[in-house]
Amino acid sequence: MKKILIVDDEPNIVMTLEYAFKKRNFEVYIARDGGEALQILKSNVVDVVLLDIMMPNVDGYQTLKQIKNDKKLSNTKVIFLTAKYKASDIEKGLKLGADKYITKPFSIKKIVSEVHELLN
């Protein structure tokens, strides 16, 4: 069973994504900010992280840096899922090591297909 961590502070987005991935037989973990995500990743290995950038406490950029600096997590796929859509934002996200960058609003179908593409 594939495992996904959804990191976002917007409950509607989290619930929508959680439902979509559970329906496709993913084990789903939820975090409301980067700090919570890093705690979850300490004790769980996931295949992919859907990561918002603008969150309270620890933002997505800081979270991604910590994931990429942790040898145990360095193979974890990370997709930024964010409202930040400027070319400079996208470039920064990919430079930091994100595997994909998807902007909000998004289609569930697109996210699911991007996740499957990354994992295959």
C-alpha atoms as a PDB file:
ATOM      1  CA  MET A   1       0.000   0.000   0.000  1.00  0.00           C
ATOM      2  CA  LYS A   2       1.359   3.408  -0.973  1.00  0.00           C
ATOM      3  CA  LYS A   3       1.601   6.039   1.738  1.00  0.00           C
ATOM      4  CA  ILE A   4       0.984   9.756   1.302  1.00  0.00           C
ATOM      5  CA  LEU A   5       1.381  12.671   3.709  1.00  0.00           C
ATOM      6  CA  ILE A   6      -0.877  15.655   3.061  1.00  0.00           C
ATOM      7  CA  VAL A   7       0.449  18.862   4.619  1.00  0.00           C
ATOM      8  CA  ASP A   8      -1.920  21.833   4.423  1.00  0.00           C
ATOM      9  CA  ASP A   9      -3.584  24.195   6.878  1.00  0.00           C
ATOM     10  CA  GLU A  10      -6.857  24.432   4.916  1.00  0.00           C
ATOM     11  CA  PRO A  11      -9.289  21.766   6.230  1.00  0.00           C
ATOM     12  CA  ASN A  12     -11.346  21.608   2.999  1.00  0.00           C
ATOM     13  CA  ILE A  13      -8.277  20.839   0.911  1.00  0.00           C
ATOM     14  CA  VAL A  14      -7.059  18.232   3.395  1.00  0.00           C
ATOM     15  CA  MET A  15     -10.453  16.493   3.519  1.00  0.00           C
ATOM     16  CA  THR A  16     -10.831  16.479  -0.278  1.00  0.00           C
ATOM     17  CA  LEU A  17      -7.347  15.060  -0.849  1.00  0.00           C
ATOM     18  CA  GLU A  18      -7.644  12.559   1.997  1.00  0.00           C
ATOM     19  CA  TYR A  19     -10.879  11.202   0.535  1.00  0.00           C
ATOM     20  CA  ALA A  20      -9.452  11.022  -2.994  1.00  0.00           C
ATOM     21  CA  PHE A  21      -6.346   9.098  -1.951  1.00  0.00           C
ATOM     22  CA  LYS A  22      -8.067   6.760   0.526  1.00  0.00           C
ATOM     23  CA  LYS A  23     -10.493   5.854  -2.254  1.00  0.00           C
ATOM     24  CA  ARG A  24      -7.429   4.846  -4.315  1.00  0.00           C
ATOM     25  CA  ASN A  25      -6.078   2.615  -1.514  1.00  0.00           C
ATOM     26  CA  PHE A  26      -3.410   4.964  -0.169  1.00  0.00           C
ATOM     27  CA  GLU A  27      -2.574   5.079   3.505  1.00  0.00           C
ATOM     28  CA  VAL A  28      -3.046   8.780   4.303  1.00  0.00           C
ATOM     29  CA  TYR A  29      -1.293  10.868   6.951  1.00  0.00           C
ATOM     30  CA  ILE A  30      -2.337  14.453   7.698  1.00  0.00           C
ATOM     31  CA  ALA A  31      -0.350  17.417   9.023  1.00  0.00           C
ATOM     32  CA  ARG A  32      -1.476  21.028   9.423  1.00  0.00           C
ATOM     33  CA  ASP A  33       1.981  22.591   9.222  1.00  0.00           C
ATOM     34  CA  GLY A  34       5.589  21.704   8.507  1.00  0.00           C
ATOM     35  CA  GLY A  35       6.449  20.994  12.125  1.00  0.00           C
ATOM     36  CA  GLU A  36       3.665  18.435  12.395  1.00  0.00           C
ATOM     37  CA  ALA A  37       4.744  16.920   9.069  1.00  0.00           C
ATOM     38  CA  LEU A  38       8.335  16.491  10.246  1.00  0.00           C
ATOM     39  CA  GLN A  39       7.086  14.803  13.446  1.00  0.00           C
ATOM     40  CA  ILE A  40       5.047  12.327  11.374  1.00  0.00           C
ATOM     41  CA  LEU A  41       8.022  11.650   9.091  1.00  0.00           C
ATOM     42  CA  LYS A  42      10.224  10.801  12.093  1.00  0.00           C
ATOM     43  CA  SER A  43       8.221   7.639  12.693  1.00  0.00           C
ATOM     44  CA  ASN A  44       6.623   6.907   9.292  1.00  0.00           C
ATOM     45  CA  VAL A  45       8.139   6.402   5.872  1.00  0.00           C
ATOM     46  CA  VAL A  46       5.833   7.737   3.165  1.00  0.00           C
ATOM     47  CA  ASP A  47       6.108   7.481  -0.606  1.00  0.00           C
ATOM     48  CA  VAL A  48       5.033  11.027  -1.359  1.00  0.00           C
ATOM     49  CA  VAL A  49       4.364  14.304   0.460  1.00  0.00           C
ATOM     50  CA  LEU A  50       1.819  16.837  -0.832  1.00  0.00           C
ATOM     51  CA  LEU A  51       3.152  20.040   0.705  1.00  0.00           C
ATOM     52  CA  ASP A  52       1.611  23.496   0.931  1.00  0.00           C
ATOM     53  CA  ILE A  53       4.067  26.402   1.140  1.00  0.00           C
ATOM     54  CA  MET A  54       2.200  29.073   3.106  1.00  0.00           C
ATOM     55  CA  MET A  55       1.460  27.587   6.535  1.00  0.00           C
ATOM     56  CA  PRO A  56       1.803  28.709  10.159  1.00  0.00           C
ATOM     57  CA  ASN A  57       4.918  27.855  12.188  1.00  0.00           C
ATOM     58  CA  VAL A  58       7.100  25.901   9.735  1.00  0.00           C
ATOM     59  CA  ASP A  59       6.404  26.747   6.083  1.00  0.00           C
ATOM     60  CA  GLY A  60       6.717  24.403   3.109  1.00  0.00           C
ATOM     61  CA  TYR A  61      10.136  25.668   2.034  1.00  0.00           C
ATOM     62  CA  GLN A  62      11.649  24.962   5.473  1.00  0.00           C
ATOM     63  CA  THR A  63       9.903  21.595   5.604  1.00  0.00           C
ATOM     64  CA  LEU A  64      11.268  20.570   2.206  1.00  0.00           C
ATOM     65  CA  LYS A  65      14.816  21.592   3.196  1.00  0.00           C
ATOM     66  CA  GLN A  66      14.616  19.403   6.291  1.00  0.00           C
ATOM     67  CA  ILE A  67      13.208  16.451   4.330  1.00  0.00           C
ATOM     68  CA  LYS A  68      15.997  16.698   1.741  1.00  0.00           C
ATOM     69  CA  ASN A  69      18.677  17.007   4.457  1.00  0.00           C
ATOM     70  CA  ASP A  70      17.522  13.839   6.240  1.00  0.00           C
ATOM     71  CA  LYS A  71      19.224  10.749   4.770  1.00  0.00           C
ATOM     72  CA  LYS A  72      16.283   8.561   5.815  1.00  0.00           C
ATOM     73  CA  LEU A  73      13.849  10.796   3.893  1.00  0.00           C
ATOM     74  CA  SER A  74      15.978  11.849   0.919  1.00  0.00           C
ATOM     75  CA  ASN A  75      14.149   9.469  -1.465  1.00  0.00           C
ATOM     76  CA  THR A  76      10.722  10.743  -0.434  1.00  0.00           C
ATOM     77  CA  LYS A  77       8.916  12.375  -3.344  1.00  0.00           C
ATOM     78  CA  VAL A  78       7.614  15.876  -2.613  1.00  0.00           C
ATOM     79  CA  ILE A  79       4.966  17.776  -4.561  1.00  0.00           C
ATOM     80  CA  PHE A  80       4.365  21.406  -3.695  1.00  0.00           C
ATOM     81  CA  LEU A  81       0.648  22.186  -3.777  1.00  0.00           C
ATOM     82  CA  THR A  82       0.318  25.925  -3.327  1.00  0.00           C
ATOM     83  CA  ALA A  83      -1.357  29.189  -4.228  1.00  0.00           C
ATOM     84  CA  LYS A  84       2.088  30.682  -4.995  1.00  0.00           C
ATOM     85  CA  TYR A  85       2.110  30.684  -8.793  1.00  0.00           C
ATOM     86  CA  LYS A  86       4.776  33.204  -9.861  1.00  0.00           C
ATOM     87  CA  ALA A  87       7.639  31.835 -11.966  1.00  0.00           C
ATOM     88  CA  SER A  88      10.085  32.802  -9.196  1.00  0.00           C
ATOM     89  CA  ASP A  89       8.058  30.789  -6.635  1.00  0.00           C
ATOM     90  CA  ILE A  90       7.983  27.724  -8.890  1.00  0.00           C
ATOM     91  CA  GLU A  91      11.701  28.032  -9.619  1.00  0.00           C
ATOM     92  CA  LYS A  92      12.511  28.322  -5.899  1.00  0.00           C
ATOM     93  CA  GLY A  93      10.389  25.263  -5.062  1.00  0.00           C
ATOM     94  CA  LEU A  94      11.994  23.100  -7.728  1.00  0.00           C
ATOM     95  CA  LYS A  95      15.496  24.349  -6.859  1.00  0.00           C
ATOM     96  CA  LEU A  96      14.944  23.311  -3.233  1.00  0.00           C
ATOM     97  CA  GLY A  97      14.246  19.794  -4.451  1.00  0.00           C
ATOM     98  CA  ALA A  98      10.487  19.465  -5.000  1.00  0.00           C
ATOM     99  CA  ASP A  99       9.711  16.761  -7.574  1.00  0.00           C
ATOM    100  CA  LYS A 100       6.663  18.617  -8.871  1.00  0.00           C
ATOM    101  CA  TYR A 101       4.946  21.963  -8.344  1.00  0.00           C
ATOM    102  CA  ILE A 102       1.147  22.223  -8.641  1.00  0.00           C
ATOM    103  CA  THR A 103      -0.724  25.484  -8.142  1.00  0.00           C
ATOM    104  CA  LYS A 104      -4.094  25.997  -6.471  1.00  0.00           C
ATOM    105  CA  PRO A 105      -6.868  25.829  -7.470  1.00  0.00           C
ATOM    106  CA  PHE A 106      -6.182  22.289  -8.666  1.00  0.00           C
ATOM    107  CA  SER A 107      -8.058  19.342 -10.082  1.00  0.00           C
ATOM    108  CA  ILE A 108      -8.086  16.134  -8.025  1.00  0.00           C
ATOM    109  CA  LYS A 109      -7.685  14.158 -11.239  1.00  0.00           C
ATOM    110  CA  LYS A 110      -4.459  16.061 -12.049  1.00  0.00           C
ATOM    111  CA  ILE A 111      -3.009  15.568  -8.566  1.00  0.00           C
ATOM    112  CA  VAL A 112      -3.814  11.866  -8.541  1.00  0.00           C
ATOM    113  CA  SER A 113      -2.248  11.404 -11.971  1.00  0.00           C
ATOM    114  CA  GLU A 114       0.875  13.425 -10.968  1.00  0.00           C
ATOM    115  CA  VAL A 115       1.281  11.282  -7.830  1.00  0.00           C
ATOM    116  CA  HIS A 116       0.906   8.048  -9.801  1.00  0.00           C
ATOM    117  CA  GLU A 117       3.386   9.299 -12.415  1.00  0.00           C
ATOM    118  CA  LEU A 118       5.936  10.083  -9.694  1.00  0.00           C
ATOM    119  CA  LEU A 119       5.539   6.706  -8.035  1.00  0.00           C
ATOM    120  CA  ASN A 120       5.787   4.610 -11.215  1.00  0.00           C
END
